[in-house]
Amino acid sequence: MTQLEHSEVATDPGTRPALSLSGVTVEFESDRGTVCAFRDVDLTLRDGGFLSILGPSGCGKSTLLRVIADLVQPTAGTVSVLGSSPGAARTARAIGFVFQDASLLPWRTALQNVALPLEIRGAPRGGRTPAELLELVGLAGRENAFPHELSGGMRQRVAIARALVTGPRLLLMDEPFGALDEITRERLNQELLRIWQDTGTSVVFVTHSVPEAVYLSEQVLVLHAGPRGVRALRDIPLGYPRDPAIRDSPEFVAVAAELRAMLG
């Protein structure tokens, strides 16, 4: 795969897929010998799309996200992020990452936590300011609050704002709402859809929750248990915007039941 220059990664949104994987396999060496996380994963995500990855524990969801982020190298296959290698996209700051734990620095305010990537790597041209991003995630007025003064949901909002501060075109989210209560989780699902539509950023979202995957996504990638790779890539035939009441619709229930059966 040809590695494009920084400027080529960061321009021409919409002219190439946000993400393309072909035959991607990941194996690790351990005391038990070679362990396969997954094999032969094929996937394409449109620029500006929203894809969720769903599967049982141990199927390789988080590992797949780390391959895309250039944190794990595939054993076989090719990965293209915005038409370039994951390494080039990461260097160009085209990738943002939100983990399950917000991991905020306790001695820094919300605003200072969001600004941290800019202090390390510098501000992108034309990007939103940390204050603008805190407003985007619904935390205007809490800029000077420290993490211990924020609820779990608020801390995750700060983490999302921090991931967006470098102006990424691909946002990777590894079960960011998994530790939250159901009410907060559903509220943040709504907020995430609003942020996604406002920014136009492509999203890959890992979750264990079938309803969450259906509610958020244009497509859901279902992984087999064990190292067998992809079981299905399912389009979600529900339009946007999505009102929370859609979770009770026959269409939603039918798609959720189909995905749940794949996990059984």
Protein backbone atom coordinates (compact mmCIF):
# COMPACT_ATOMS: atom_id res chain seq x y z
CA MET A 1 0.00 0.00 0.00
CA THR A 2 1.31 3.41 -0.92
CA GLN A 3 1.63 5.82 1.99
CA LEU A 4 0.22 9.20 1.06
CA GLU A 5 1.61 12.44 2.31
CA HIS A 6 0.06 14.28 5.27
CA SER A 7 -1.77 16.77 3.04
CA GLU A 8 -3.33 13.99 0.96
CA VAL A 9 -4.73 12.30 4.05
CA ALA A 10 -6.25 15.50 5.35
CA THR A 11 -7.97 16.73 2.17
CA ASP A 12 -10.73 15.73 -0.24
CA PRO A 13 -13.33 14.47 2.26
CA GLY A 14 -15.91 12.22 0.68
CA THR A 15 -13.75 11.27 -2.35
CA ARG A 16 -12.58 7.95 -0.87
CA PRO A 17 -13.85 5.55 1.83
CA ALA A 18 -13.08 6.47 5.40
CA LEU A 19 -11.98 2.91 6.02
CA SER A 20 -11.21 -0.17 3.96
CA LEU A 21 -10.01 -3.55 5.26
CA SER A 22 -9.23 -6.57 3.11
CA GLY A 23 -8.36 -10.00 4.47
CA VAL A 24 -7.14 -8.61 7.79
CA THR A 25 -5.89 -11.25 10.24
CA VAL A 26 -4.30 -10.72 13.65
CA GLU A 27 -2.28 -13.37 15.47
CA PHE A 28 -0.33 -13.05 18.73
CA GLU A 29 2.44 -15.18 20.16
CA SER A 30 1.84 -16.36 23.72
CA ASP A 31 3.00 -19.05 26.16
CA ARG A 32 0.38 -21.31 24.55
CA GLY A 33 1.76 -20.69 21.08
CA THR A 34 0.10 -18.69 18.32
CA VAL A 35 -3.29 -17.21 19.24
CA CYS A 36 -5.56 -15.84 16.50
CA ALA A 37 -7.69 -12.83 17.47
CA PHE A 38 -9.64 -12.89 14.18
CA ARG A 39 -9.04 -13.72 10.54
CA ASP A 40 -9.98 -12.51 7.05
CA VAL A 41 -11.94 -9.39 8.01
CA ASP A 42 -13.22 -7.40 5.02
CA LEU A 43 -14.90 -4.04 5.58
CA THR A 44 -15.60 -0.72 3.88
CA LEU A 45 -16.96 2.38 5.64
CA ARG A 46 -18.06 5.41 3.65
CA ASP A 47 -16.60 8.80 4.49
CA GLY A 48 -18.95 10.30 7.08
CA GLY A 49 -20.51 6.94 7.95
CA PHE A 50 -21.34 5.34 11.30
CA LEU A 51 -20.44 1.69 11.87
CA SER A 52 -20.80 -0.32 15.07
CA ILE A 53 -18.82 -3.50 15.81
CA LEU A 54 -20.80 -6.04 17.79
CA GLY A 55 -19.76 -9.41 19.17
CA PRO A 56 -19.21 -11.51 22.30
CA SER A 57 -16.28 -10.94 24.65
CA GLY A 58 -13.00 -12.17 23.21
CA CYS A 59 -14.03 -11.98 19.55
CA GLY A 60 -11.49 -9.25 18.73
CA LYS A 61 -13.61 -6.08 18.66
CA SER A 62 -11.11 -3.92 20.52
CA THR A 63 -8.18 -5.48 18.69
CA LEU A 64 -9.78 -4.60 15.36
CA LEU A 65 -10.20 -1.01 16.52
CA ARG A 66 -6.53 -0.89 17.48
CA VAL A 67 -5.50 -2.20 14.07
CA ILE A 68 -7.38 0.69 12.48
CA ALA A 69 -5.70 3.12 14.90
CA ASP A 70 -2.20 1.80 14.08
CA LEU A 71 -1.78 0.50 17.64
CA VAL A 72 -1.68 -3.18 16.56
CA GLN A 73 -0.13 -4.42 13.34
CA PRO A 74 -2.09 -7.00 11.33
CA THR A 75 -0.46 -10.34 10.62
CA ALA A 76 -1.99 -10.40 7.14
CA GLY A 77 -4.23 -8.26 4.95
CA THR A 78 -4.37 -4.55 4.15
CA VAL A 79 -5.88 -1.57 5.97
CA SER A 80 -6.59 1.81 4.39
CA VAL A 81 -7.69 4.83 6.42
CA LEU A 82 -8.84 7.75 4.28
CA GLY A 83 -6.93 6.32 1.34
CA SER A 84 -3.65 5.94 3.23
CA SER A 85 -2.02 3.66 5.78
CA PRO A 86 -3.20 3.80 9.42
CA GLY A 87 0.25 5.13 10.36
CA ALA A 88 0.01 8.01 7.91
CA ALA A 89 -3.54 8.81 9.06
CA ARG A 90 -2.45 8.79 12.70
CA THR A 91 0.53 11.05 11.94
CA ALA A 92 -1.81 13.43 10.12
CA ARG A 93 -4.06 13.48 13.22
CA ALA A 94 -6.92 12.14 11.12
CA ILE A 95 -7.84 9.56 13.80
CA GLY A 96 -9.42 10.26 17.20
CA PHE A 97 -9.86 7.57 19.90
CA VAL A 98 -12.30 7.42 22.83
CA PHE A 99 -11.78 4.62 25.36
CA GLN A 100 -14.22 3.10 27.85
CA ASP A 101 -12.48 4.97 30.67
CA ALA A 102 -12.41 8.73 30.13
CA SER A 103 -8.87 8.82 31.61
CA LEU A 104 -8.92 12.53 32.39
CA LEU A 105 -6.03 14.08 34.29
CA PRO A 106 -7.47 14.86 37.75
CA TRP A 107 -5.39 18.02 38.27
CA ARG A 108 -6.61 19.61 35.03
CA THR A 109 -9.97 21.26 34.42
CA ALA A 110 -12.36 20.05 31.72
CA LEU A 111 -11.08 22.77 29.38
CA GLN A 112 -7.44 21.92 30.13
CA ASN A 113 -8.08 18.20 29.53
CA VAL A 114 -9.63 18.92 26.14
CA ALA A 115 -6.71 21.21 25.23
CA LEU A 116 -4.04 18.64 26.18
CA PRO A 117 -3.57 17.15 22.66
CA LEU A 118 -3.06 20.66 21.29
CA GLU A 119 -0.33 21.34 23.84
CA ILE A 120 1.43 18.14 22.80
CA ARG A 121 1.00 18.29 19.03
CA GLY A 122 -0.17 21.81 18.20
CA ALA A 123 -3.50 23.10 16.93
CA PRO A 124 -4.83 22.01 13.52
CA ARG A 125 -5.73 24.71 11.05
CA GLY A 126 -9.41 25.57 11.03
CA GLY A 127 -10.26 23.34 14.00
CA ARG A 128 -12.74 24.10 16.75
CA THR A 129 -11.39 25.47 20.01
CA PRO A 130 -11.59 23.43 23.24
CA ALA A 131 -14.28 25.79 24.53
CA GLU A 132 -16.32 25.34 21.33
CA LEU A 133 -16.04 21.57 21.65
CA LEU A 134 -17.17 21.59 25.27
CA GLU A 135 -20.19 23.56 24.11
CA LEU A 136 -20.73 21.02 21.31
CA VAL A 137 -20.85 18.14 23.81
CA GLY A 138 -23.22 20.04 26.10
CA LEU A 139 -20.77 21.20 28.77
CA ALA A 140 -20.80 24.96 28.27
CA GLY A 141 -20.36 26.53 31.70
CA ARG A 142 -18.39 23.57 33.08
CA GLU A 143 -15.06 24.52 31.53
CA ASN A 144 -13.38 25.07 34.90
CA ALA A 145 -14.76 21.95 36.60
CA PHE A 146 -12.28 19.27 37.64
CA PRO A 147 -13.00 15.59 36.83
CA HIS A 148 -14.07 14.77 40.39
CA GLU A 149 -16.74 17.48 40.08
CA LEU A 150 -18.26 15.84 36.98
CA SER A 151 -20.54 12.83 36.65
CA GLY A 152 -19.42 9.76 34.69
CA GLY A 153 -21.43 10.89 31.69
CA MET A 154 -19.92 14.36 31.82
CA ARG A 155 -16.41 12.93 31.99
CA GLN A 156 -17.11 10.89 28.87
CA ARG A 157 -18.32 14.06 27.13
CA VAL A 158 -15.00 15.68 27.98
CA ALA A 159 -13.20 12.63 26.55
CA ILE A 160 -15.19 12.92 23.32
CA ALA A 161 -14.38 16.62 23.07
CA ARG A 162 -10.69 15.83 23.65
CA ALA A 163 -10.75 13.23 20.86
CA LEU A 164 -12.32 15.78 18.48
CA VAL A 165 -9.97 18.67 19.27
CA THR A 166 -7.42 17.70 16.62
CA GLY A 167 -10.13 17.68 13.96
CA PRO A 168 -10.08 13.92 13.14
CA ARG A 169 -11.99 12.57 10.18
CA LEU A 170 -12.32 9.13 11.76
CA LEU A 171 -13.42 8.71 15.38
CA LEU A 172 -12.83 5.31 17.02
CA MET A 173 -14.85 4.56 20.16
CA ASP A 174 -14.17 1.50 22.31
CA GLU A 175 -17.26 0.87 24.46
CA PRO A 176 -17.25 4.48 25.69
CA PHE A 177 -20.61 4.18 27.48
CA GLY A 178 -20.27 0.63 28.79
CA ALA A 179 -19.75 1.61 32.44
CA LEU A 180 -22.64 4.09 32.57
CA ASP A 181 -26.17 3.57 33.86
CA GLU A 182 -28.89 2.94 31.26
CA ILE A 183 -30.48 6.39 31.48
CA THR A 184 -27.15 8.20 31.04
CA ARG A 185 -26.13 5.80 28.29
CA GLU A 186 -29.28 6.44 26.25
CA ARG A 187 -28.88 10.19 26.70
CA LEU A 188 -25.29 10.03 25.46
CA ASN A 189 -26.39 7.90 22.50
CA GLN A 190 -28.61 10.80 21.45
CA GLU A 191 -25.80 13.30 22.03
CA LEU A 192 -23.35 11.21 20.01
CA LEU A 193 -25.68 11.13 17.00
CA ARG A 194 -26.05 14.90 17.23
CA ILE A 195 -22.26 15.38 17.39
CA TRP A 196 -21.70 12.94 14.50
CA GLN A 197 -24.16 14.79 12.29
CA ASP A 198 -22.78 18.17 13.33
CA THR A 199 -19.13 17.31 12.63
CA GLY A 200 -19.45 14.91 9.68
CA THR A 201 -16.77 12.71 11.28
CA SER A 202 -16.81 9.00 10.39
CA VAL A 203 -17.36 6.81 13.46
CA VAL A 204 -16.45 3.22 14.30
CA PHE A 205 -18.11 2.27 17.59
CA VAL A 206 -17.46 -0.91 19.59
CA THR A 207 -20.24 -2.13 21.88
CA HIS A 208 -21.69 -5.22 23.56
CA SER A 209 -25.20 -3.73 23.41
CA VAL A 210 -27.44 -4.79 20.52
CA PRO A 211 -29.97 -1.94 21.05
CA GLU A 212 -27.15 0.62 21.21
CA ALA A 213 -25.64 -0.70 17.96
CA VAL A 214 -29.00 -0.59 16.16
CA TYR A 215 -29.92 2.85 17.47
CA LEU A 216 -26.65 4.52 16.51
CA SER A 217 -25.53 2.89 13.31
CA GLU A 218 -25.89 2.91 9.58
CA GLN A 219 -24.18 -0.50 9.54
CA VAL A 220 -23.37 -3.14 12.16
CA LEU A 221 -20.43 -5.52 11.79
CA VAL A 222 -21.05 -8.75 13.73
CA LEU A 223 -17.98 -10.79 14.68
CA HIS A 224 -18.02 -14.51 15.42
CA ALA A 225 -17.02 -15.83 18.81
CA GLY A 226 -13.42 -16.98 18.61
CA PRO A 227 -11.04 -16.25 15.76
CA ARG A 228 -13.43 -16.83 12.84
CA GLY A 229 -13.82 -13.19 11.85
CA VAL A 230 -16.93 -11.60 10.37
CA ARG A 231 -20.30 -13.25 10.69
CA ALA A 232 -22.31 -10.50 8.99
CA LEU A 233 -22.30 -6.85 7.94
CA ARG A 234 -25.88 -5.63 8.41
CA ASP A 235 -27.31 -2.38 7.04
CA ILE A 236 -29.68 -0.69 9.50
CA PRO A 237 -32.79 0.43 7.54
CA LEU A 238 -33.75 3.25 9.91
CA GLY A 239 -33.53 6.88 8.85
CA TYR A 240 -32.05 9.84 10.71
CA PRO A 241 -32.71 11.73 12.89
CA ARG A 242 -33.62 8.92 15.28
CA ASP A 243 -35.98 9.66 18.14
CA PRO A 244 -35.46 7.45 21.21
CA ALA A 245 -39.03 6.20 20.73
CA ILE A 246 -37.82 4.33 17.63
CA ARG A 247 -36.46 1.67 20.01
CA ASP A 248 -40.06 0.48 20.49
CA SER A 249 -40.90 0.33 16.78
CA PRO A 250 -41.47 -3.05 15.05
CA GLU A 251 -38.65 -2.31 12.61
CA PHE A 252 -36.15 -1.67 15.40
CA VAL A 253 -37.23 -4.72 17.39
CA ALA A 254 -36.96 -6.95 14.31
CA VAL A 255 -33.42 -5.82 13.44
CA ALA A 256 -32.31 -6.15 17.08
CA ALA A 257 -33.74 -9.66 17.24
CA GLU A 258 -31.90 -10.64 14.04
CA LEU A 259 -28.56 -9.35 15.38
CA ARG A 260 -29.13 -10.96 18.77
CA ALA A 261 -29.75 -14.32 17.09
CA MET A 262 -26.37 -14.02 15.34
CA LEU A 263 -24.70 -13.71 18.75
CA GLY A 264 -26.44 -16.76 20.17
